[in-house]
Amino acid sequence: MNIKIKPDGIWYHGSNLIFTELLPNSTITQWKELAEAFSHQPSSLWYDDDGVIHHNGREKGYLYVIDEPVEIGRDIYQHPRTTMDRNAEFLTKRPLRVRLLDIIQE
């Protein structure tokens, strides 16, 4: 699947915890539905060629948006060990402010 990154686009993080700052080495993505899926803490997650996400997570989830500018290479980088397509997952290099966007019920 071809995932395009918008340099000035919105970045998301999904978690089952509440916080205001994302720690270094956390995963972020511009694919909102992927962050929502990860918020449920699945042990297994996959998506098909059409981008439909499947997972076995059942935790109550929280969807966050990164609440400050993010620059690839300076603040984040491609996840080096991802099993997903290029541009699906990035890792943070430094703490980033986040804002709670939604509570995701499974």
PDB file of N, CA and C in Angstrom:
ATOM      1  N   MET A   1       0.845  -1.177   0.000  1.00  0.00           N
ATOM      2  CA  MET A   1       0.000   0.000   0.000  1.00  0.00           C
ATOM      3  C   MET A   1       0.892   1.243   0.000  1.00  0.00           C
ATOM      4  N   ASN A   2       0.515   2.237  -0.765  1.00  0.00           N
ATOM      5  CA  ASN A   2       1.293   3.468  -0.857  1.00  0.00           C
ATOM      6  C   ASN A   2       0.731   4.497   0.121  1.00  0.00           C
ATOM      7  N   ILE A   3       1.516   4.842   1.123  1.00  0.00           N
ATOM      8  CA  ILE A   3       1.100   5.812   2.142  1.00  0.00           C
ATOM      9  C   ILE A   3       1.889   7.096   1.912  1.00  0.00           C
ATOM     10  N   LYS A   4       1.201   8.167   1.604  1.00  0.00           N
ATOM     11  CA  LYS A   4       1.855   9.453   1.350  1.00  0.00           C
ATOM     12  C   LYS A   4       1.874  10.282   2.636  1.00  0.00           C
ATOM     13  N   ILE A   5       2.996  10.930   2.877  1.00  0.00           N
ATOM     14  CA  ILE A   5       3.162  11.791   4.049  1.00  0.00           C
ATOM     15  C   ILE A   5       3.065  13.246   3.620  1.00  0.00           C
ATOM     16  N   LYS A   6       2.267  13.998   4.354  1.00  0.00           N
ATOM     17  CA  LYS A   6       2.164  15.444   4.143  1.00  0.00           C
ATOM     18  C   LYS A   6       3.061  16.110   5.174  1.00  0.00           C
ATOM     19  N   PRO A   7       4.116  16.805   4.750  1.00  0.00           N
ATOM     20  CA  PRO A   7       5.042  17.418   5.700  1.00  0.00           C
ATOM     21  C   PRO A   7       4.355  18.304   6.744  1.00  0.00           C
ATOM     22  N   ASP A   8       3.290  18.987   6.358  1.00  0.00           N
ATOM     23  CA  ASP A   8       2.579  19.840   7.310  1.00  0.00           C
ATOM     24  C   ASP A   8       1.266  19.199   7.762  1.00  0.00           C
ATOM     25  N   GLY A   9       1.164  17.873   7.581  1.00  0.00           N
ATOM     26  CA  GLY A   9      -0.058  17.150   7.924  1.00  0.00           C
ATOM     27  C   GLY A   9      -0.196  16.887   9.419  1.00  0.00           C
ATOM     28  N   ILE A  10      -1.308  16.304   9.781  1.00  0.00           N
ATOM     29  CA  ILE A  10      -1.617  15.979  11.170  1.00  0.00           C
ATOM     30  C   ILE A  10      -0.984  14.637  11.531  1.00  0.00           C
ATOM     31  N   TRP A  11      -0.382  14.589  12.709  1.00  0.00           N
ATOM     32  CA  TRP A  11       0.217  13.357  13.228  1.00  0.00           C
ATOM     33  C   TRP A  11      -0.609  12.875  14.416  1.00  0.00           C
ATOM     34  N   TYR A  12      -0.801  11.553  14.503  1.00  0.00           N
ATOM     35  CA  TYR A  12      -1.644  10.945  15.535  1.00  0.00           C
ATOM     36  C   TYR A  12      -0.862   9.928  16.357  1.00  0.00           C
ATOM     37  N   HIS A  13      -1.353   9.710  17.559  1.00  0.00           N
ATOM     38  CA  HIS A  13      -0.849   8.645  18.434  1.00  0.00           C
ATOM     39  C   HIS A  13      -2.049   8.037  19.145  1.00  0.00           C
ATOM     40  N   GLY A  14      -2.093   6.725  19.216  1.00  0.00           N
ATOM     41  CA  GLY A  14      -3.158   6.036  19.931  1.00  0.00           C
ATOM     42  C   GLY A  14      -2.611   5.337  21.162  1.00  0.00           C
ATOM     43  N   SER A  15      -3.332   5.436  22.268  1.00  0.00           N
ATOM     44  CA  SER A  15      -2.881   4.844  23.528  1.00  0.00           C
ATOM     45  C   SER A  15      -4.088   4.461  24.372  1.00  0.00           C
ATOM     46  N   ASN A  16      -3.839   3.646  25.384  1.00  0.00           N
ATOM     47  CA  ASN A  16      -4.885   3.340  26.354  1.00  0.00           C
ATOM     48  C   ASN A  16      -4.672   4.136  27.644  1.00  0.00           C
ATOM     49  N   LEU A  17      -3.761   5.103  27.599  1.00  0.00           N
ATOM     50  CA  LEU A  17      -3.435   5.938  28.755  1.00  0.00           C
ATOM     51  C   LEU A  17      -3.751   7.404  28.464  1.00  0.00           C
ATOM     52  N   ILE A  18      -3.907   8.178  29.543  1.00  0.00           N
ATOM     53  CA  ILE A  18      -4.130   9.618  29.413  1.00  0.00           C
ATOM     54  C   ILE A  18      -2.846  10.349  29.806  1.00  0.00           C
ATOM     55  N   PHE A  19      -2.410  11.295  28.973  1.00  0.00           N
ATOM     56  CA  PHE A  19      -1.199  12.071  29.232  1.00  0.00           C
ATOM     57  C   PHE A  19      -1.219  13.328  28.381  1.00  0.00           C
ATOM     58  N   THR A  20      -0.262  14.220  28.594  1.00  0.00           N
ATOM     59  CA  THR A  20      -0.175  15.459  27.820  1.00  0.00           C
ATOM     60  C   THR A  20       1.123  15.576  27.023  1.00  0.00           C
ATOM     61  N   GLU A  21       2.053  14.655  27.259  1.00  0.00           N
ATOM     62  CA  GLU A  21       3.332  14.689  26.550  1.00  0.00           C
ATOM     63  C   GLU A  21       3.710  13.272  26.135  1.00  0.00           C
ATOM     64  N   LEU A  22       4.027  13.122  24.874  1.00  0.00           N
ATOM     65  CA  LEU A  22       4.443  11.846  24.320  1.00  0.00           C
ATOM     66  C   LEU A  22       5.947  11.699  24.512  1.00  0.00           C
ATOM     67  N   LEU A  23       6.371  10.558  24.989  1.00  0.00           N
ATOM     68  CA  LEU A  23       7.784  10.320  25.273  1.00  0.00           C
ATOM     69  C   LEU A  23       8.579  10.020  24.006  1.00  0.00           C
ATOM     70  N   PRO A  24       9.910  10.238  24.053  1.00  0.00           N
ATOM     71  CA  PRO A  24      10.758   9.840  22.930  1.00  0.00           C
ATOM     72  C   PRO A  24      10.611   8.345  22.658  1.00  0.00           C
ATOM     73  N   ASN A  25      10.785   7.953  21.409  1.00  0.00           N
ATOM     74  CA  ASN A  25      10.672   6.568  20.938  1.00  0.00           C
ATOM     75  C   ASN A  25       9.238   6.063  20.908  1.00  0.00           C
ATOM     76  N   SER A  26       8.284   6.985  20.913  1.00  0.00           N
ATOM     77  CA  SER A  26       6.876   6.626  20.762  1.00  0.00           C
ATOM     78  C   SER A  26       6.521   6.593  19.278  1.00  0.00           C
ATOM     79  N   THR A  27       5.523   5.815  18.935  1.00  0.00           N
ATOM     80  CA  THR A  27       5.092   5.678  17.552  1.00  0.00           C
ATOM     81  C   THR A  27       4.014   6.703  17.219  1.00  0.00           C
ATOM     82  N   ILE A  28       4.176   7.378  16.076  1.00  0.00           N
ATOM     83  CA  ILE A  28       3.143   8.285  15.571  1.00  0.00           C
ATOM     84  C   ILE A  28       2.911   7.974  14.099  1.00  0.00           C
ATOM     85  N   THR A  29       1.780   8.434  13.596  1.00  0.00           N
ATOM     86  CA  THR A  29       1.415   8.173  12.211  1.00  0.00           C
ATOM     87  C   THR A  29       0.497   9.278  11.709  1.00  0.00           C
ATOM     88  N   GLN A  30       0.449   9.433  10.393  1.00  0.00           N
ATOM     89  CA  GLN A  30      -0.539  10.330   9.807  1.00  0.00           C
ATOM     90  C   GLN A  30      -1.802   9.568   9.419  1.00  0.00           C
ATOM     91  N   TRP A  31      -1.798   8.261   9.592  1.00  0.00           N
ATOM     92  CA  TRP A  31      -2.947   7.416   9.292  1.00  0.00           C
ATOM     93  C   TRP A  31      -3.797   7.322  10.559  1.00  0.00           C
ATOM     94  N   LYS A  32      -4.829   8.137  10.618  1.00  0.00           N
ATOM     95  CA  LYS A  32      -5.670   8.259  11.816  1.00  0.00           C
ATOM     96  C   LYS A  32      -6.234   6.918  12.270  1.00  0.00           C
ATOM     97  N   GLU A  33      -6.744   6.135  11.339  1.00  0.00           N
ATOM     98  CA  GLU A  33      -7.353   4.844  11.690  1.00  0.00           C
ATOM     99  C   GLU A  33      -6.336   3.869  12.272  1.00  0.00           C
ATOM    100  N   LEU A  34      -5.089   3.977  11.859  1.00  0.00           N
ATOM    101  CA  LEU A  34      -4.048   3.124  12.426  1.00  0.00           C
ATOM    102  C   LEU A  34      -3.793   3.496  13.879  1.00  0.00           C
ATOM    103  N   ALA A  35      -3.720   4.783  14.163  1.00  0.00           N
ATOM    104  CA  ALA A  35      -3.543   5.237  15.549  1.00  0.00           C
ATOM    105  C   ALA A  35      -4.733   4.801  16.403  1.00  0.00           C
ATOM    106  N   GLU A  36      -5.946   4.908  15.860  1.00  0.00           N
ATOM    107  CA  GLU A  36      -7.135   4.460  16.593  1.00  0.00           C
ATOM    108  C   GLU A  36      -7.035   2.970  16.918  1.00  0.00           C
ATOM    109  N   ALA A  37      -6.611   2.167  15.954  1.00  0.00           N
ATOM    110  CA  ALA A  37      -6.471   0.726  16.173  1.00  0.00           C
ATOM    111  C   ALA A  37      -5.423   0.438  17.246  1.00  0.00           C
ATOM    112  N   PHE A  38      -4.281   1.116  17.177  1.00  0.00           N
ATOM    113  CA  PHE A  38      -3.228   0.905  18.172  1.00  0.00           C
ATOM    114  C   PHE A  38      -3.669   1.329  19.574  1.00  0.00           C
ATOM    115  N   SER A  39      -4.619   2.246  19.673  1.00  0.00           N
ATOM    116  CA  SER A  39      -5.083   2.697  20.987  1.00  0.00           C
ATOM    117  C   SER A  39      -5.713   1.560  21.787  1.00  0.00           C
ATOM    118  N   HIS A  40      -6.170   0.529  21.104  1.00  0.00           N
ATOM    119  CA  HIS A  40      -6.810  -0.615  21.776  1.00  0.00           C
ATOM    120  C   HIS A  40      -5.801  -1.667  22.246  1.00  0.00           C
ATOM    121  N   GLN A  41      -4.515  -1.408  22.072  1.00  0.00           N
ATOM    122  CA  GLN A  41      -3.428  -2.273  22.530  1.00  0.00           C
ATOM    123  C   GLN A  41      -3.524  -3.702  21.988  1.00  0.00           C
ATOM    124  N   PRO A  42      -3.639  -3.851  20.669  1.00  0.00           N
ATOM    125  CA  PRO A  42      -3.734  -5.200  20.110  1.00  0.00           C
ATOM    126  C   PRO A  42      -2.416  -5.953  20.176  1.00  0.00           C
ATOM    127  N   SER A  43      -2.508  -7.264  20.292  1.00  0.00           N
ATOM    128  CA  SER A  43      -1.309  -8.100  20.176  1.00  0.00           C
ATOM    129  C   SER A  43      -1.096  -8.495  18.720  1.00  0.00           C
ATOM    130  N   SER A  44      -2.132  -8.311  17.903  1.00  0.00           N
ATOM    131  CA  SER A  44      -2.061  -8.614  16.480  1.00  0.00           C
ATOM    132  C   SER A  44      -2.811  -7.529  15.709  1.00  0.00           C
ATOM    133  N   LEU A  45      -2.169  -6.981  14.692  1.00  0.00           N
ATOM    134  CA  LEU A  45      -2.777  -5.937  13.876  1.00  0.00           C
ATOM    135  C   LEU A  45      -2.289  -6.122  12.449  1.00  0.00           C
ATOM    136  N   TRP A  46      -3.204  -6.023  11.488  1.00  0.00           N
ATOM    137  CA  TRP A  46      -2.844  -6.117  10.086  1.00  0.00           C
ATOM    138  C   TRP A  46      -3.845  -5.315   9.269  1.00  0.00           C
ATOM    139  N   TYR A  47      -3.482  -5.025   8.037  1.00  0.00           N
ATOM    140  CA  TYR A  47      -4.392  -4.335   7.134  1.00  0.00           C
ATOM    141  C   TYR A  47      -4.262  -4.942   5.749  1.00  0.00           C
ATOM    142  N   ASP A  48      -5.360  -4.847   4.994  1.00  0.00           N
ATOM    143  CA  ASP A  48      -5.350  -5.420   3.656  1.00  0.00           C
ATOM    144  C   ASP A  48      -4.909  -4.368   2.635  1.00  0.00           C
ATOM    145  N   ASP A  49      -4.871  -4.753   1.374  1.00  0.00           N
ATOM    146  CA  ASP A  49      -4.400  -3.858   0.308  1.00  0.00           C
ATOM    147  C   ASP A  49      -5.283  -2.625   0.130  1.00  0.00           C
ATOM    148  N   ASP A  50      -6.516  -2.699   0.619  1.00  0.00           N
ATOM    149  CA  ASP A  50      -7.430  -1.563   0.533  1.00  0.00           C
ATOM    150  C   ASP A  50      -7.343  -0.652   1.756  1.00  0.00           C
ATOM    151  N   GLY A  51      -6.455  -0.971   2.699  1.00  0.00           N
ATOM    152  CA  GLY A  51      -6.280  -0.142   3.885  1.00  0.00           C
ATOM    153  C   GLY A  51      -7.271  -0.427   4.998  1.00  0.00           C
ATOM    154  N   VAL A  52      -8.003  -1.530   4.912  1.00  0.00           N
ATOM    155  CA  VAL A  52      -8.916  -1.908   5.992  1.00  0.00           C
ATOM    156  C   VAL A  52      -8.092  -2.567   7.099  1.00  0.00           C
ATOM    157  N   ILE A  53      -8.180  -2.001   8.306  1.00  0.00           N
ATOM    158  CA  ILE A  53      -7.371  -2.457   9.439  1.00  0.00           C
ATOM    159  C   ILE A  53      -8.144  -3.481  10.254  1.00  0.00           C
ATOM    160  N   HIS A  54      -7.434  -4.539  10.655  1.00  0.00           N
ATOM    161  CA  HIS A  54      -7.987  -5.590  11.510  1.00  0.00           C
ATOM    162  C   HIS A  54      -7.070  -5.728  12.719  1.00  0.00           C
ATOM    163  N   HIS A  55      -7.648  -5.973  13.887  1.00  0.00           N
ATOM    164  CA  HIS A  55      -6.835  -6.159  15.094  1.00  0.00           C
ATOM    165  C   HIS A  55      -7.649  -6.888  16.146  1.00  0.00           C
ATOM    166  N   ASN A  56      -6.941  -7.340  17.183  1.00  0.00           N
ATOM    167  CA  ASN A  56      -7.615  -8.068  18.264  1.00  0.00           C
ATOM    168  C   ASN A  56      -7.617  -7.280  19.575  1.00  0.00           C
ATOM    169  N   GLY A  57      -7.337  -5.988  19.539  1.00  0.00           N
ATOM    170  CA  GLY A  57      -7.303  -5.170  20.750  1.00  0.00           C
ATOM    171  C   GLY A  57      -8.693  -4.897  21.310  1.00  0.00           C
ATOM    172  N   ARG A  58      -8.790  -4.836  22.637  1.00  0.00           N
ATOM    173  CA  ARG A  58     -10.083  -4.619  23.287  1.00  0.00           C
ATOM    174  C   ARG A  58     -10.042  -3.535  24.368  1.00  0.00           C
ATOM    175  N   GLU A  59      -8.906  -2.883  24.538  1.00  0.00           N
ATOM    176  CA  GLU A  59      -8.788  -1.829  25.548  1.00  0.00           C
ATOM    177  C   GLU A  59      -9.557  -0.582  25.110  1.00  0.00           C
ATOM    178  N   LYS A  60     -10.025   0.179  26.088  1.00  0.00           N
ATOM    179  CA  LYS A  60     -10.570   1.510  25.802  1.00  0.00           C
ATOM    180  C   LYS A  60      -9.401   2.355  25.295  1.00  0.00           C
ATOM    181  N   GLY A  61      -9.607   3.093  24.211  1.00  0.00           N
ATOM    182  CA  GLY A  61      -8.507   3.819  23.612  1.00  0.00           C
ATOM    183  C   GLY A  61      -8.679   5.322  23.629  1.00  0.00           C
ATOM    184  N   TYR A  62      -7.557   6.006  23.513  1.00  0.00           N
ATOM    185  CA  TYR A  62      -7.522   7.458  23.427  1.00  0.00           C
ATOM    186  C   TYR A  62      -6.732   7.839  22.174  1.00  0.00           C
ATOM    187  N   LEU A  63      -7.331   8.698  21.370  1.00  0.00           N
ATOM    188  CA  LEU A  63      -6.668   9.173  20.170  1.00  0.00           C
ATOM    189  C   LEU A  63      -6.129  10.570  20.432  1.00  0.00           C
ATOM    190  N   TYR A  64      -4.842  10.730  20.189  1.00  0.00           N
ATOM    191  CA  TYR A  64      -4.164  12.007  20.394  1.00  0.00           C
ATOM    192  C   TYR A  64      -3.715  12.582  19.059  1.00  0.00           C
ATOM    193  N   VAL A  65      -3.626  13.894  19.017  1.00  0.00           N
ATOM    194  CA  VAL A  65      -3.010  14.602  17.903  1.00  0.00           C
ATOM    195  C   VAL A  65      -1.763  15.293  18.469  1.00  0.00           C
ATOM    196  N   ILE A  66      -0.693  15.287  17.690  1.00  0.00           N
ATOM    197  CA  ILE A  66       0.523  15.979  18.120  1.00  0.00           C
ATOM    198  C   ILE A  66       0.226  17.473  18.041  1.00  0.00           C
ATOM    199  N   ASP A  67       0.482  18.168  19.148  1.00  0.00           N
ATOM    200  CA  ASP A  67       0.045  19.558  19.297  1.00  0.00           C
ATOM    201  C   ASP A  67       1.201  20.551  19.165  1.00  0.00           C
ATOM    202  N   GLU A  68       2.090  20.270  18.232  1.00  0.00           N
ATOM    203  CA  GLU A  68       3.190  21.185  17.919  1.00  0.00           C
ATOM    204  C   GLU A  68       3.755  20.775  16.563  1.00  0.00           C
ATOM    205  N   PRO A  69       4.502  21.661  15.923  1.00  0.00           N
ATOM    206  CA  PRO A  69       5.070  21.298  14.617  1.00  0.00           C
ATOM    207  C   PRO A  69       6.027  20.110  14.730  1.00  0.00           C
ATOM    208  N   VAL A  70       6.006  19.263  13.704  1.00  0.00           N
ATOM    209  CA  VAL A  70       6.858  18.073  13.660  1.00  0.00           C
ATOM    210  C   VAL A  70       7.606  18.067  12.334  1.00  0.00           C
ATOM    211  N   GLU A  71       8.904  17.854  12.401  1.00  0.00           N
ATOM    212  CA  GLU A  71       9.725  17.804  11.194  1.00  0.00           C
ATOM    213  C   GLU A  71      10.387  16.432  11.083  1.00  0.00           C
ATOM    214  N   ILE A  72      10.182  15.793   9.935  1.00  0.00           N
ATOM    215  CA  ILE A  72      10.802  14.488   9.695  1.00  0.00           C
ATOM    216  C   ILE A  72      12.311  14.671   9.664  1.00  0.00           C
ATOM    217  N   GLY A  73      13.016  13.795  10.357  1.00  0.00           N
ATOM    218  CA  GLY A  73      14.472  13.872  10.438  1.00  0.00           C
ATOM    219  C   GLY A  73      14.948  14.608  11.677  1.00  0.00           C
ATOM    220  N   ARG A  74      14.264  15.669  12.042  1.00  0.00           N
ATOM    221  CA  ARG A  74      14.641  16.423  13.234  1.00  0.00           C
ATOM    222  C   ARG A  74      13.899  15.907  14.465  1.00  0.00           C
ATOM    223  N   ASP A  75      12.583  15.742  14.360  1.00  0.00           N
ATOM    224  CA  ASP A  75      11.746  15.351  15.501  1.00  0.00           C
ATOM    225  C   ASP A  75      11.307  13.891  15.459  1.00  0.00           C
ATOM    226  N   ILE A  76      11.201  13.348  14.253  1.00  0.00           N
ATOM    227  CA  ILE A  76      10.735  11.977  14.066  1.00  0.00           C
ATOM    228  C   ILE A  76      11.527  11.310  12.954  1.00  0.00           C
ATOM    229  N   TYR A  77      11.454   9.980  12.890  1.00  0.00           N
ATOM    230  CA  TYR A  77      12.105   9.238  11.810  1.00  0.00           C
ATOM    231  C   TYR A  77      11.310   7.964  11.530  1.00  0.00           C
ATOM    232  N   GLN A  78      11.515   7.404  10.335  1.00  0.00           N
ATOM    233  CA  GLN A  78      10.843   6.169   9.953  1.00  0.00           C
ATOM    234  C   GLN A  78      11.136   5.078  10.976  1.00  0.00           C
ATOM    235  N   HIS A  79      10.115   4.338  11.348  1.00  0.00           N
ATOM    236  CA  HIS A  79      10.307   3.209  12.265  1.00  0.00           C
ATOM    237  C   HIS A  79      11.199   2.187  11.554  1.00  0.00           C
ATOM    238  N   PRO A  80      12.390   1.901  12.109  1.00  0.00           N
ATOM    239  CA  PRO A  80      13.338   1.039  11.391  1.00  0.00           C
ATOM    240  C   PRO A  80      12.961  -0.445  11.396  1.00  0.00           C
ATOM    241  N   ARG A  81      12.087  -0.884  12.311  1.00  0.00           N
ATOM    242  CA  ARG A  81      11.766  -2.306  12.409  1.00  0.00           C
ATOM    243  C   ARG A  81      10.279  -2.591  12.180  1.00  0.00           C
ATOM    244  N   THR A  82       9.601  -1.701  11.503  1.00  0.00           N
ATOM    245  CA  THR A  82       8.176  -1.906  11.264  1.00  0.00           C
ATOM    246  C   THR A  82       7.940  -3.073  10.310  1.00  0.00           C
ATOM    247  N   THR A  83       6.824  -3.722  10.469  1.00  0.00           N
ATOM    248  CA  THR A  83       6.403  -4.760   9.523  1.00  0.00           C
ATOM    249  C   THR A  83       5.372  -4.194   8.551  1.00  0.00           C
ATOM    250  N   MET A  84       5.089  -2.910   8.691  1.00  0.00           N
ATOM    251  CA  MET A  84       4.099  -2.247   7.842  1.00  0.00           C
ATOM    252  C   MET A  84       4.773  -1.549   6.669  1.00  0.00           C
ATOM    253  N   ASP A  85       3.950  -1.039   5.780  1.00  0.00           N
ATOM    254  CA  ASP A  85       4.467  -0.326   4.614  1.00  0.00           C
ATOM    255  C   ASP A  85       5.209   0.939   5.027  1.00  0.00           C
ATOM    256  N   ARG A  86       6.075   1.388   4.134  1.00  0.00           N
ATOM    257  CA  ARG A  86       6.821   2.632   4.354  1.00  0.00           C
ATOM    258  C   ARG A  86       5.827   3.768   4.622  1.00  0.00           C
ATOM    259  N   ASN A  87       6.169   4.625   5.546  1.00  0.00           N
ATOM    260  CA  ASN A  87       5.399   5.807   5.956  1.00  0.00           C
ATOM    261  C   ASN A  87       4.210   5.498   6.860  1.00  0.00           C
ATOM    262  N   ALA A  88       4.023   4.249   7.244  1.00  0.00           N
ATOM    263  CA  ALA A  88       2.917   3.928   8.160  1.00  0.00           C
ATOM    264  C   ALA A  88       3.260   4.348   9.582  1.00  0.00           C
ATOM    265  N   GLU A  89       4.493   4.111  10.003  1.00  0.00           N
ATOM    266  CA  GLU A  89       4.892   4.373  11.395  1.00  0.00           C
ATOM    267  C   GLU A  89       6.185   5.176  11.453  1.00  0.00           C
ATOM    268  N   PHE A  90       6.198   6.131  12.369  1.00  0.00           N
ATOM    269  CA  PHE A  90       7.394   6.915  12.657  1.00  0.00           C
ATOM    270  C   PHE A  90       7.631   6.871  14.157  1.00  0.00           C
ATOM    271  N   LEU A  91       8.873   7.059  14.571  1.00  0.00           N
ATOM    272  CA  LEU A  91       9.228   7.136  15.991  1.00  0.00           C
ATOM    273  C   LEU A  91       9.645   8.556  16.339  1.00  0.00           C
ATOM    274  N   THR A  92       9.308   8.960  17.559  1.00  0.00           N
ATOM    275  CA  THR A  92       9.653  10.308  18.009  1.00  0.00           C
ATOM    276  C   THR A  92      11.079  10.327  18.556  1.00  0.00           C
ATOM    277  N   LYS A  93      11.772  11.432  18.321  1.00  0.00           N
ATOM    278  CA  LYS A  93      13.134  11.616  18.830  1.00  0.00           C
ATOM    279  C   LYS A  93      13.162  12.384  20.145  1.00  0.00           C
ATOM    280  N   ARG A  94      12.073  13.092  20.426  1.00  0.00           N
ATOM    281  CA  ARG A  94      12.040  13.949  21.612  1.00  0.00           C
ATOM    282  C   ARG A  94      10.612  13.949  22.169  1.00  0.00           C
ATOM    283  N   PRO A  95      10.428  14.474  23.377  1.00  0.00           N
ATOM    284  CA  PRO A  95       9.059  14.605  23.892  1.00  0.00           C
ATOM    285  C   PRO A  95       8.248  15.549  23.001  1.00  0.00           C
ATOM    286  N   LEU A  96       6.981  15.201  22.776  1.00  0.00           N
ATOM    287  CA  LEU A  96       6.091  16.033  21.975  1.00  0.00           C
ATOM    288  C   LEU A  96       4.788  16.269  22.728  1.00  0.00           C
ATOM    289  N   ARG A  97       4.309  17.511  22.689  1.00  0.00           N
ATOM    290  CA  ARG A  97       3.011  17.823  23.291  1.00  0.00           C
ATOM    291  C   ARG A  97       1.903  17.151  22.498  1.00  0.00           C
ATOM    292  N   VAL A  98       0.922  16.633  23.210  1.00  0.00           N
ATOM    293  CA  VAL A  98      -0.234  16.033  22.549  1.00  0.00           C
ATOM    294  C   VAL A  98      -1.514  16.637  23.107  1.00  0.00           C
ATOM    295  N   ARG A  99      -2.569  16.508  22.307  1.00  0.00           N
ATOM    296  CA  ARG A  99      -3.898  16.949  22.720  1.00  0.00           C
ATOM    297  C   ARG A  99      -4.848  15.785  22.480  1.00  0.00           C
ATOM    298  N   LEU A 100      -5.651  15.476  23.483  1.00  0.00           N
ATOM    299  CA  LEU A 100      -6.629  14.400  23.352  1.00  0.00           C
ATOM    300  C   LEU A 100      -7.673  14.808  22.314  1.00  0.00           C
ATOM    301  N   LEU A 101      -7.847  13.964  21.324  1.00  0.00           N
ATOM    302  CA  LEU A 101      -8.772  14.244  20.241  1.00  0.00           C
ATOM    303  C   LEU A 101     -10.083  13.477  20.402  1.00  0.00           C
ATOM    304  N   ASP A 102      -9.984  12.222  20.868  1.00  0.00           N
ATOM    305  CA  ASP A 102     -11.189  11.400  20.950  1.00  0.00           C
ATOM    306  C   ASP A 102     -10.967  10.216  21.875  1.00  0.00           C
ATOM    307  N   ILE A 103     -12.063   9.729  22.449  1.00  0.00           N
ATOM    308  CA  ILE A 103     -12.065   8.477  23.215  1.00  0.00           C
ATOM    309  C   ILE A 103     -12.646   7.429  22.289  1.00  0.00           C
ATOM    310  N   ILE A 104     -11.913   6.347  22.096  1.00  0.00           N
ATOM    311  CA  ILE A 104     -12.296   5.318  21.137  1.00  0.00           C
ATOM    312  C   ILE A 104     -12.765   4.071  21.889  1.00  0.00           C
ATOM    313  N   GLN A 105     -14.037   3.769  21.765  1.00  0.00           N
ATOM    314  CA  GLN A 105     -14.592   2.552  22.371  1.00  0.00           C
ATOM    315  C   GLN A 105     -14.508   1.439  21.348  1.00  0.00           C
ATOM    316  N   GLU A 106     -14.144   0.284  21.781  1.00  0.00           N
ATOM    317  CA  GLU A 106     -14.071  -0.866  20.864  1.00  0.00           C
ATOM    318  C   GLU A 106     -15.385  -1.579  20.816  1.00  0.00           C
TER     319      GLU A 106
END
